[in-house]
């Protein structure tokens, strides 16, 4: 059981050699832009497939250096949350 937990931590989930969260964000962004450009300007979707593949390749190359890119993105999203003072106190005693 212990080796399974260590393996999951050591090898984060990937889609074609790229971390899941950045790869999904890349695909979502490109598909959204593709839909808008097709609807508004009636363009061919082939350049968007090329940019999706190029972006995925760049994410995969970056993931060789830093395989925990998904974890870094989720940690960054957690730090972006605003804190608010939930208790009546003086000073800067914030509760997340």
PDB file of N, CA and C in Angstrom:
ATOM      1  N   UNK A   1       0.821  -1.203   0.000  1.00  0.00           N
ATOM      2  CA  UNK A   1       0.000   0.000   0.000  1.00  0.00           C
ATOM      3  C   UNK A   1       0.863   1.265   0.000  1.00  0.00           C
ATOM      4  N   UNK A   2       1.945   1.228   0.763  1.00  0.00           N
ATOM      5  CA  UNK A   2       2.793   2.405   0.855  1.00  0.00           C
ATOM      6  C   UNK A   2       3.458   2.722  -0.482  1.00  0.00           C
ATOM      7  N   UNK A   3       3.847   1.720  -1.247  1.00  0.00           N
ATOM      8  CA  UNK A   3       4.494   1.978  -2.522  1.00  0.00           C
ATOM      9  C   UNK A   3       3.529   2.609  -3.516  1.00  0.00           C
ATOM     10  N   UNK A   4       2.244   2.265  -3.437  1.00  0.00           N
ATOM     11  CA  UNK A   4       1.271   2.866  -4.349  1.00  0.00           C
ATOM     12  C   UNK A   4       1.145   4.358  -4.089  1.00  0.00           C
ATOM     13  N   UNK A   5       1.101   4.755  -2.819  1.00  0.00           N
ATOM     14  CA  UNK A   5       0.988   6.166  -2.483  1.00  0.00           C
ATOM     15  C   UNK A   5       2.238   6.904  -2.941  1.00  0.00           C
ATOM     16  N   UNK A   6       3.405   6.342  -2.706  1.00  0.00           N
ATOM     17  CA  UNK A   6       4.633   6.985  -3.137  1.00  0.00           C
ATOM     18  C   UNK A   6       4.697   7.090  -4.658  1.00  0.00           C
ATOM     19  N   UNK A   7       4.192   6.093  -5.351  1.00  0.00           N
ATOM     20  CA  UNK A   7       4.235   6.133  -6.804  1.00  0.00           C
ATOM     21  C   UNK A   7       3.319   7.234  -7.342  1.00  0.00           C
ATOM     22  N   UNK A   8       2.151   7.387  -6.758  1.00  0.00           N
ATOM     23  CA  UNK A   8       1.240   8.443  -7.201  1.00  0.00           C
ATOM     24  C   UNK A   8       1.857   9.815  -6.976  1.00  0.00           C
ATOM     25  N   UNK A   9       2.527  10.005  -5.875  1.00  0.00           N
ATOM     26  CA  UNK A   9       3.156  11.280  -5.593  1.00  0.00           C
ATOM     27  C   UNK A   9       4.352  11.500  -6.522  1.00  0.00           C
ATOM     28  N   UNK A  10       5.111  10.446  -6.768  1.00  0.00           N
ATOM     29  CA  UNK A  10       6.303  10.588  -7.590  1.00  0.00           C
ATOM     30  C   UNK A  10       5.969  10.764  -9.069  1.00  0.00           C
ATOM     31  N   UNK A  11       4.893  10.130  -9.525  1.00  0.00           N
ATOM     32  CA  UNK A  11       4.519  10.195 -10.933  1.00  0.00           C
ATOM     33  C   UNK A  11       3.115  10.808 -11.062  1.00  0.00           C
ATOM     34  N   UNK A  12       3.017  12.111 -11.235  1.00  0.00           N
ATOM     35  CA  UNK A  12       1.693  12.730 -11.364  1.00  0.00           C
ATOM     36  C   UNK A  12       1.016  12.307 -12.672  1.00  0.00           C
ATOM     37  N   UNK A  13      -0.301  12.418 -12.695  1.00  0.00           N
ATOM     38  CA  UNK A  13      -1.060  11.984 -13.869  1.00  0.00           C
ATOM     39  C   UNK A  13      -0.724  12.849 -15.079  1.00  0.00           C
ATOM     40  N   UNK A  14      -0.647  12.176 -16.233  1.00  0.00           N
ATOM     41  CA  UNK A  14      -0.256  12.852 -17.463  1.00  0.00           C
ATOM     42  C   UNK A  14      -1.141  12.388 -18.608  1.00  0.00           C
ATOM     43  N   UNK A  15      -1.264  13.250 -19.618  1.00  0.00           N
ATOM     44  CA  UNK A  15      -1.927  12.918 -20.872  1.00  0.00           C
ATOM     45  C   UNK A  15      -0.902  13.152 -21.968  1.00  0.00           C
ATOM     46  N   UNK A  16      -0.446  12.109 -22.614  1.00  0.00           N
ATOM     47  CA  UNK A  16       0.565  12.199 -23.667  1.00  0.00           C
ATOM     48  C   UNK A  16       1.754  13.044 -23.222  1.00  0.00           C
ATOM     49  N   UNK A  17       2.359  12.668 -22.095  1.00  0.00           N
ATOM     50  CA  UNK A  17       3.576  13.247 -21.543  1.00  0.00           C
ATOM     51  C   UNK A  17       3.413  14.659 -20.994  1.00  0.00           C
ATOM     52  N   UNK A  18       2.213  15.178 -20.921  1.00  0.00           N
ATOM     53  CA  UNK A  18       1.982  16.510 -20.350  1.00  0.00           C
ATOM     54  C   UNK A  18       1.089  16.373 -19.119  1.00  0.00           C
ATOM     55  N   UNK A  19       1.302  17.181 -18.083  1.00  0.00           N
ATOM     56  CA  UNK A  19       0.429  17.130 -16.904  1.00  0.00           C
ATOM     57  C   UNK A  19      -1.025  17.426 -17.285  1.00  0.00           C
ATOM     58  N   UNK A  20      -1.943  16.823 -16.548  1.00  0.00           N
ATOM     59  CA  UNK A  20      -3.362  16.852 -16.919  1.00  0.00           C
ATOM     60  C   UNK A  20      -3.943  18.261 -16.914  1.00  0.00           C
ATOM     61  N   UNK A  21      -3.740  19.007 -15.852  1.00  0.00           N
ATOM     62  CA  UNK A  21      -4.389  20.319 -15.734  1.00  0.00           C
ATOM     63  C   UNK A  21      -3.927  21.320 -16.798  1.00  0.00           C
ATOM     64  N   UNK A  22      -2.631  21.486 -17.035  1.00  0.00           N
ATOM     65  CA  UNK A  22      -2.229  22.406 -18.107  1.00  0.00           C
ATOM     66  C   UNK A  22      -2.649  21.916 -19.490  1.00  0.00           C
ATOM     67  N   UNK A  23      -2.613  20.600 -19.709  1.00  0.00           N
ATOM     68  CA  UNK A  23      -3.035  20.063 -21.011  1.00  0.00           C
ATOM     69  C   UNK A  23      -4.532  20.306 -21.231  1.00  0.00           C
ATOM     70  N   UNK A  24      -5.330  20.111 -20.190  1.00  0.00           N
ATOM     71  CA  UNK A  24      -6.765  20.365 -20.310  1.00  0.00           C
ATOM     72  C   UNK A  24      -7.041  21.854 -20.530  1.00  0.00           C
ATOM     73  N   UNK A  25      -6.299  22.715 -19.848  1.00  0.00           N
ATOM     74  CA  UNK A  25      -6.469  24.163 -20.046  1.00  0.00           C
ATOM     75  C   UNK A  25      -6.090  24.557 -21.469  1.00  0.00           C
ATOM     76  N   UNK A  26      -5.046  23.960 -22.004  1.00  0.00           N
ATOM     77  CA  UNK A  26      -4.617  24.228 -23.377  1.00  0.00           C
ATOM     78  C   UNK A  26      -5.711  23.823 -24.363  1.00  0.00           C
ATOM     79  N   UNK A  27      -6.239  22.632 -24.206  1.00  0.00           N
ATOM     80  CA  UNK A  27      -7.282  22.152 -25.124  1.00  0.00           C
ATOM     81  C   UNK A  27      -8.542  22.997 -24.986  1.00  0.00           C
ATOM     82  N   UNK A  28      -8.935  23.308 -23.758  1.00  0.00           N
ATOM     83  CA  UNK A  28     -10.149  24.110 -23.538  1.00  0.00           C
ATOM     84  C   UNK A  28     -10.018  25.495 -24.168  1.00  0.00           C
ATOM     85  N   UNK A  29      -8.865  26.131 -23.985  1.00  0.00           N
ATOM     86  CA  UNK A  29      -8.655  27.453 -24.560  1.00  0.00           C
ATOM     87  C   UNK A  29      -8.701  27.403 -26.085  1.00  0.00           C
ATOM     88  N   UNK A  30      -8.012  26.439 -26.672  1.00  0.00           N
ATOM     89  CA  UNK A  30      -7.974  26.360 -28.130  1.00  0.00           C
ATOM     90  C   UNK A  30      -9.317  25.987 -28.733  1.00  0.00           C
ATOM     91  N   UNK A  31     -10.054  25.107 -28.089  1.00  0.00           N
ATOM     92  CA  UNK A  31     -11.381  24.741 -28.604  1.00  0.00           C
ATOM     93  C   UNK A  31     -12.339  25.926 -28.496  1.00  0.00           C
ATOM     94  N   UNK A  32     -12.259  26.662 -27.393  1.00  0.00           N
ATOM     95  CA  UNK A  32     -13.116  27.837 -27.235  1.00  0.00           C
ATOM     96  C   UNK A  32     -12.809  28.893 -28.295  1.00  0.00           C
ATOM     97  N   UNK A  33     -11.526  29.181 -28.478  1.00  0.00           N
ATOM     98  CA  UNK A  33     -11.149  30.145 -29.516  1.00  0.00           C
ATOM     99  C   UNK A  33     -11.544  29.658 -30.905  1.00  0.00           C
ATOM    100  N   UNK A  34     -11.404  28.362 -31.151  1.00  0.00           N
ATOM    101  CA  UNK A  34     -11.772  27.806 -32.443  1.00  0.00           C
ATOM    102  C   UNK A  34     -13.270  28.004 -32.706  1.00  0.00           C
ATOM    103  N   UNK A  35     -14.092  27.722 -31.706  1.00  0.00           N
ATOM    104  CA  UNK A  35     -15.538  27.894 -31.882  1.00  0.00           C
ATOM    105  C   UNK A  35     -15.897  29.354 -32.158  1.00  0.00           C
ATOM    106  N   UNK A  36     -15.305  30.268 -31.391  1.00  0.00           N
ATOM    107  CA  UNK A  36     -15.600  31.682 -31.610  1.00  0.00           C
ATOM    108  C   UNK A  36     -15.180  32.137 -33.004  1.00  0.00           C
ATOM    109  N   UNK A  37     -13.987  31.754 -33.432  1.00  0.00           N
ATOM    110  CA  UNK A  37     -13.510  32.178 -34.744  1.00  0.00           C
ATOM    111  C   UNK A  37     -14.297  31.530 -35.882  1.00  0.00           C
ATOM    112  N   UNK A  38     -14.734  30.298 -35.697  1.00  0.00           N
ATOM    113  CA  UNK A  38     -15.554  29.659 -36.727  1.00  0.00           C
ATOM    114  C   UNK A  38     -16.903  30.358 -36.829  1.00  0.00           C
ATOM    115  N   UNK A  39     -17.506  30.662 -35.673  1.00  0.00           N
ATOM    116  CA  UNK A  39     -18.825  31.304 -35.695  1.00  0.00           C
ATOM    117  C   UNK A  39     -18.753  32.752 -36.184  1.00  0.00           C
ATOM    118  N   UNK A  40     -17.735  33.493 -35.768  1.00  0.00           N
ATOM    119  CA  UNK A  40     -17.684  34.910 -36.114  1.00  0.00           C
ATOM    120  C   UNK A  40     -17.060  35.187 -37.483  1.00  0.00           C
ATOM    121  N   UNK A  41     -15.985  34.457 -37.808  1.00  0.00           N
ATOM    122  CA  UNK A  41     -15.231  34.793 -39.014  1.00  0.00           C
ATOM    123  C   UNK A  41     -15.244  33.694 -40.072  1.00  0.00           C
ATOM    124  N   UNK A  42     -15.871  32.554 -39.786  1.00  0.00           N
ATOM    125  CA  UNK A  42     -15.994  31.447 -40.722  1.00  0.00           C
ATOM    126  C   UNK A  42     -14.626  30.999 -41.253  1.00  0.00           C
ATOM    127  N   UNK A  43     -13.705  30.714 -40.325  1.00  0.00           N
ATOM    128  CA  UNK A  43     -12.362  30.271 -40.692  1.00  0.00           C
ATOM    129  C   UNK A  43     -12.260  28.755 -40.557  1.00  0.00           C
ATOM    130  N   UNK A  44     -11.212  28.183 -41.116  1.00  0.00           N
ATOM    131  CA  UNK A  44     -10.988  26.751 -41.010  1.00  0.00           C
ATOM    132  C   UNK A  44     -10.381  26.416 -39.644  1.00  0.00           C
ATOM    133  N   UNK A  45     -10.728  25.285 -39.070  1.00  0.00           N
ATOM    134  CA  UNK A  45     -10.236  24.960 -37.724  1.00  0.00           C
ATOM    135  C   UNK A  45      -8.831  24.369 -37.692  1.00  0.00           C
ATOM    136  N   UNK A  46      -8.204  24.131 -38.819  1.00  0.00           N
ATOM    137  CA  UNK A  46      -6.896  23.472 -38.846  1.00  0.00           C
ATOM    138  C   UNK A  46      -5.820  24.251 -38.083  1.00  0.00           C
ATOM    139  N   UNK A  47      -5.725  25.589 -38.194  1.00  0.00           N
ATOM    140  CA  UNK A  47      -4.696  26.292 -37.399  1.00  0.00           C
ATOM    141  C   UNK A  47      -4.861  26.105 -35.893  1.00  0.00           C
ATOM    142  N   UNK A  48      -6.084  25.923 -35.441  1.00  0.00           N
ATOM    143  CA  UNK A  48      -6.309  25.730 -34.015  1.00  0.00           C
ATOM    144  C   UNK A  48      -5.839  24.351 -33.568  1.00  0.00           C
ATOM    145  N   UNK A  49      -5.962  23.358 -34.432  1.00  0.00           N
ATOM    146  CA  UNK A  49      -5.419  22.039 -34.104  1.00  0.00           C
ATOM    147  C   UNK A  49      -3.897  22.091 -34.037  1.00  0.00           C
ATOM    148  N   UNK A  50      -3.303  22.847 -34.927  1.00  0.00           N
ATOM    149  CA  UNK A  50      -1.843  22.987 -34.924  1.00  0.00           C
ATOM    150  C   UNK A  50      -1.384  23.691 -33.650  1.00  0.00           C
ATOM    151  N   UNK A  51      -2.059  24.764 -33.260  1.00  0.00           N
ATOM    152  CA  UNK A  51      -1.666  25.464 -32.038  1.00  0.00           C
ATOM    153  C   UNK A  51      -1.911  24.605 -30.800  1.00  0.00           C
ATOM    154  N   UNK A  52      -2.933  23.759 -30.836  1.00  0.00           N
ATOM    155  CA  UNK A  52      -3.169  22.837 -29.726  1.00  0.00           C
ATOM    156  C   UNK A  52      -2.007  21.860 -29.602  1.00  0.00           C
ATOM    157  N   UNK A  53      -1.562  21.311 -30.715  1.00  0.00           N
ATOM    158  CA  UNK A  53      -0.444  20.365 -30.681  1.00  0.00           C
ATOM    159  C   UNK A  53       0.862  21.044 -30.278  1.00  0.00           C
ATOM    160  N   UNK A  54       1.095  22.246 -30.782  1.00  0.00           N
ATOM    161  CA  UNK A  54       2.310  22.979 -30.413  1.00  0.00           C
ATOM    162  C   UNK A  54       2.289  23.329 -28.927  1.00  0.00           C
ATOM    163  N   UNK A  55       1.153  23.803 -28.441  1.00  0.00           N
ATOM    164  CA  UNK A  55       1.032  24.119 -27.018  1.00  0.00           C
ATOM    165  C   UNK A  55       1.197  22.890 -26.143  1.00  0.00           C
ATOM    166  N   UNK A  56       0.634  21.764 -26.572  1.00  0.00           N
ATOM    167  CA  UNK A  56       0.777  20.531 -25.815  1.00  0.00           C
ATOM    168  C   UNK A  56       2.245  20.087 -25.794  1.00  0.00           C
ATOM    169  N   UNK A  57       2.911  20.246 -26.920  1.00  0.00           N
ATOM    170  CA  UNK A  57       4.333  19.897 -26.969  1.00  0.00           C
ATOM    171  C   UNK A  57       5.162  20.768 -26.047  1.00  0.00           C
ATOM    172  N   UNK A  58       4.851  22.057 -26.012  1.00  0.00           N
ATOM    173  CA  UNK A  58       5.582  22.962 -25.121  1.00  0.00           C
ATOM    174  C   UNK A  58       5.326  22.611 -23.655  1.00  0.00           C
ATOM    175  N   UNK A  59       4.095  22.247 -23.322  1.00  0.00           N
ATOM    176  CA  UNK A  59       3.786  21.839 -21.948  1.00  0.00           C
ATOM    177  C   UNK A  59       4.520  20.544 -21.605  1.00  0.00           C
ATOM    178  N   UNK A  60       4.586  19.614 -22.557  1.00  0.00           N
ATOM    179  CA  UNK A  60       5.298  18.351 -22.321  1.00  0.00           C
ATOM    180  C   UNK A  60       6.793  18.586 -22.126  1.00  0.00           C
ATOM    181  N   UNK A  61       7.367  19.501 -22.891  1.00  0.00           N
ATOM    182  CA  UNK A  61       8.794  19.819 -22.726  1.00  0.00           C
ATOM    183  C   UNK A  61       9.033  20.470 -21.373  1.00  0.00           C
ATOM    184  N   UNK A  62       8.151  21.353 -20.963  1.00  0.00           N
ATOM    185  CA  UNK A  62       8.295  21.998 -19.655  1.00  0.00           C
ATOM    186  C   UNK A  62       8.089  20.998 -18.519  1.00  0.00           C
ATOM    187  N   UNK A  63       7.233  19.985 -18.754  1.00  0.00           N
ATOM    188  CA  UNK A  63       6.945  18.988 -17.722  1.00  0.00           C
ATOM    189  C   UNK A  63       8.132  18.070 -17.473  1.00  0.00           C
ATOM    190  N   UNK A  64       9.046  17.982 -18.416  1.00  0.00           N
ATOM    191  CA  UNK A  64      10.259  17.194 -18.172  1.00  0.00           C
ATOM    192  C   UNK A  64      11.051  17.833 -17.040  1.00  0.00           C
ATOM    193  N   UNK A  65      11.123  19.146 -17.040  1.00  0.00           N
ATOM    194  CA  UNK A  65      11.848  19.869 -15.994  1.00  0.00           C
ATOM    195  C   UNK A  65      11.057  19.918 -14.693  1.00  0.00           C
ATOM    196  N   UNK A  66       9.739  20.088 -14.792  1.00  0.00           N
ATOM    197  CA  UNK A  66       8.897  20.225 -13.608  1.00  0.00           C
ATOM    198  C   UNK A  66       7.652  19.356 -13.766  1.00  0.00           C
ATOM    199  N   UNK A  67       7.693  18.081 -13.369  1.00  0.00           N
ATOM    200  CA  UNK A  67       6.554  17.187 -13.609  1.00  0.00           C
ATOM    201  C   UNK A  67       5.326  17.504 -12.763  1.00  0.00           C
ATOM    202  N   UNK A  68       5.473  18.262 -11.697  1.00  0.00           N
ATOM    203  CA  UNK A  68       4.336  18.562 -10.825  1.00  0.00           C
ATOM    204  C   UNK A  68       3.710  19.911 -11.168  1.00  0.00           C
ATOM    205  N   UNK A  69       3.572  20.195 -12.441  1.00  0.00           N
ATOM    206  CA  UNK A  69       3.008  21.467 -12.882  1.00  0.00           C
ATOM    207  C   UNK A  69       1.534  21.593 -12.499  1.00  0.00           C
ATOM    208  N   UNK A  70       0.783  20.495 -12.542  1.00  0.00           N
ATOM    209  CA  UNK A  70      -0.625  20.532 -12.123  1.00  0.00           C
ATOM    210  C   UNK A  70      -0.742  20.890 -10.656  1.00  0.00           C
ATOM    211  N   UNK A  71       0.131  20.331  -9.827  1.00  0.00           N
ATOM    212  CA  UNK A  71       0.113  20.636  -8.399  1.00  0.00           C
ATOM    213  C   UNK A  71       0.456  22.100  -8.157  1.00  0.00           C
ATOM    214  N   UNK A  72       1.417  22.618  -8.907  1.00  0.00           N
ATOM    215  CA  UNK A  72       1.762  24.033  -8.768  1.00  0.00           C
ATOM    216  C   UNK A  72       0.597  24.930  -9.165  1.00  0.00           C
ATOM    217  N   UNK A  73      -0.126  24.552 -10.210  1.00  0.00           N
ATOM    218  CA  UNK A  73      -1.274  25.365 -10.634  1.00  0.00           C
ATOM    219  C   UNK A  73      -2.387  25.339  -9.598  1.00  0.00           C
ATOM    220  N   UNK A  74      -2.678  24.174  -9.013  1.00  0.00           N
ATOM    221  CA  UNK A  74      -3.724  24.119  -7.992  1.00  0.00           C
ATOM    222  C   UNK A  74      -3.305  24.869  -6.734  1.00  0.00           C
ATOM    223  N   UNK A  75      -2.020  24.799  -6.368  1.00  0.00           N
ATOM    224  CA  UNK A  75      -1.545  25.554  -5.207  1.00  0.00           C
ATOM    225  C   UNK A  75      -1.629  27.053  -5.477  1.00  0.00           C
ATOM    226  N   UNK A  76      -1.307  27.475  -6.699  1.00  0.00           N
ATOM    227  CA  UNK A  76      -1.413  28.890  -7.042  1.00  0.00           C
ATOM    228  C   UNK A  76      -2.872  29.355  -6.971  1.00  0.00           C
ATOM    229  N   UNK A  77      -3.805  28.511  -7.425  1.00  0.00           N
ATOM    230  CA  UNK A  77      -5.222  28.880  -7.359  1.00  0.00           C
ATOM    231  C   UNK A  77      -5.691  29.008  -5.914  1.00  0.00           C
ATOM    232  N   UNK A  78      -5.150  28.177  -5.019  1.00  0.00           N
ATOM    233  CA  UNK A  78      -5.514  28.281  -3.609  1.00  0.00           C
ATOM    234  C   UNK A  78      -4.986  29.580  -2.992  1.00  0.00           C
ATOM    235  N   UNK A  79      -3.811  30.018  -3.412  1.00  0.00           N
ATOM    236  CA  UNK A  79      -3.269  31.253  -2.842  1.00  0.00           C
ATOM    237  C   UNK A  79      -3.973  32.486  -3.386  1.00  0.00           C
ATOM    238  N   UNK A  80      -4.684  32.368  -4.484  1.00  0.00           N
ATOM    239  CA  UNK A  80      -5.400  33.508  -5.058  1.00  0.00           C
ATOM    240  C   UNK A  80      -6.708  33.802  -4.325  1.00  0.00           C
ATOM    241  N   UNK A  81      -7.160  32.906  -3.454  1.00  0.00           N
ATOM    242  CA  UNK A  81      -8.397  33.128  -2.722  1.00  0.00           C
ATOM    243  C   UNK A  81      -8.235  34.303  -1.762  1.00  0.00           C
ATOM    244  N   UNK A  82      -9.245  35.132  -1.696  1.00  0.00           N
ATOM    245  CA  UNK A  82      -9.226  36.273  -0.796  1.00  0.00           C
ATOM    246  C   UNK A  82      -9.563  35.811   0.618  1.00  0.00           C
ATOM    247  N   UNK A  83      -8.876  36.376   1.592  1.00  0.00           N
ATOM    248  CA  UNK A  83      -9.198  36.082   2.987  1.00  0.00           C
ATOM    249  C   UNK A  83     -10.159  37.145   3.495  1.00  0.00           C
ATOM    250  N   UNK A  84     -10.937  36.761   4.462  1.00  0.00           N
ATOM    251  CA  UNK A  84     -11.876  37.726   5.035  1.00  0.00           C
ATOM    252  C   UNK A  84     -11.879  37.551   6.541  1.00  0.00           C
ATOM    253  N   UNK A  85     -12.115  38.613   7.228  1.00  0.00           N
ATOM    254  CA  UNK A  85     -12.117  38.608   8.675  1.00  0.00           C
ATOM    255  C   UNK A  85     -13.459  38.094   9.157  1.00  0.00           C
ATOM    256  N   UNK A  86     -13.483  36.849   9.613  1.00  0.00           N
ATOM    257  CA  UNK A  86     -14.745  36.240  10.024  1.00  0.00           C
ATOM    258  C   UNK A  86     -15.045  36.491  11.501  1.00  0.00           C
ATOM    259  N   UNK A  87     -14.017  36.808  12.275  1.00  0.00           N
ATOM    260  CA  UNK A  87     -14.196  37.033  13.700  1.00  0.00           C
ATOM    261  C   UNK A  87     -14.002  38.509  14.008  1.00  0.00           C
ATOM    262  N   UNK A  88     -14.703  38.993  15.021  1.00  0.00           N
ATOM    263  CA  UNK A  88     -14.564  40.397  15.396  1.00  0.00           C
ATOM    264  C   UNK A  88     -13.320  40.548  16.269  1.00  0.00           C
ATOM    265  N   UNK A  89     -12.241  40.985  15.633  1.00  0.00           N
ATOM    266  CA  UNK A  89     -10.986  41.204  16.352  1.00  0.00           C
ATOM    267  C   UNK A  89     -10.342  42.462  15.812  1.00  0.00           C
ATOM    268  N   UNK A  90      -9.400  42.986  16.557  1.00  0.00           N
ATOM    269  CA  UNK A  90      -8.626  44.119  16.078  1.00  0.00           C
ATOM    270  C   UNK A  90      -7.352  43.607  15.440  1.00  0.00           C
ATOM    271  N   UNK A  91      -6.897  44.283  14.440  1.00  0.00           N
ATOM    272  CA  UNK A  91      -5.656  43.887  13.798  1.00  0.00           C
ATOM    273  C   UNK A  91      -5.899  43.029  12.570  1.00  0.00           C
ATOM    274  N   UNK A  92      -4.910  42.251  12.224  1.00  0.00           N
ATOM    275  CA  UNK A  92      -4.959  41.451  11.013  1.00  0.00           C
ATOM    276  C   UNK A  92      -5.073  39.956  11.298  1.00  0.00           C
ATOM    277  N   UNK A  93      -6.056  39.554  12.057  1.00  0.00           N
ATOM    278  CA  UNK A  93      -6.249  38.137  12.337  1.00  0.00           C
ATOM    279  C   UNK A  93      -7.308  37.620  11.361  1.00  0.00           C
ATOM    280  N   UNK A  94      -6.835  37.069  10.268  1.00  0.00           N
ATOM    281  CA  UNK A  94      -7.744  36.613   9.234  1.00  0.00           C
ATOM    282  C   UNK A  94      -7.930  35.114   9.323  1.00  0.00           C
ATOM    283  N   UNK A  95      -9.136  34.691   8.998  1.00  0.00           N
ATOM    284  CA  UNK A  95      -9.470  33.282   8.926  1.00  0.00           C
ATOM    285  C   UNK A  95      -9.811  32.987   7.477  1.00  0.00           C
ATOM    286  N   UNK A  96      -9.179  31.992   6.858  1.00  0.00           N
ATOM    287  CA  UNK A  96      -9.458  31.739   5.426  1.00  0.00           C
ATOM    288  C   UNK A  96     -10.865  31.242   5.182  1.00  0.00           C
TER     289      UNK A  96
END
